[in-house]
Amino acid sequence: MEYPRITPFQTHHRVVYQNPADESLTADQYAQALAYSLQQDQPGTRILVIDAQATASTDEDFIDALPLNDAEKTELRQLVALDEREAEESQTQGIDAREQESLAQRLNLARAYAQDTDVLILSEPLTHVSPEDEAAIYSLLEKRIKKHPLLSAKQKIFIVSSNAEVQERIRRDRNAAQ
């Protein structure tokens, strides 16, 4: 497939928000085009695109298998606003479908963070998460990207979305760059 050339917003931040509507593309198309463009510009860079809605598992056991100490595992759960009680309830079907989708997306985000890659591109990672949790997750990601072992190894994390929270962060970053 032929992808359009995407030039991401230039910033010193390691978390970069991108609006696919700027290029008249869906989030998935934009994410793939961005990956293609980055690979052309930086051959050899390990780039991974994750459609956060693609996998809908609510099993958080993978976190315990990661090579992290207990504090780092706890912090990873906090990075995606994962409440242990909520995960336990999901295993016994104690939450409704919307909460189940939200939990699955947050766990998929944790799985994405755990991937061994230089650049991570997340397509619509939090569409089923409440606006409050979404804002908290992005704020914590921005704060912890240099400090958490799973995040610090990544050169950039691109969030590709057209939702309101991401649009606000794009405006904030562009205003700060002027």
Foldseek 3Di string as FASTA:
>chain_A
DDADADDFDDDQAQEGEAEVVVVPDALVSVLVNPVVNVCVVPPPFFEDEDALQPDQDLDLVVLVVAPDDPVLSVVLCVLLVHDPVLSVCVVVVNDDPLSSRQSRLSSSVSVQLQDPGQEYEYRPSGPSHDPVSVLSNVVSCSVCQCPRPSRNNHRHYYYYDNDDSSVVVNVVRVVVVD
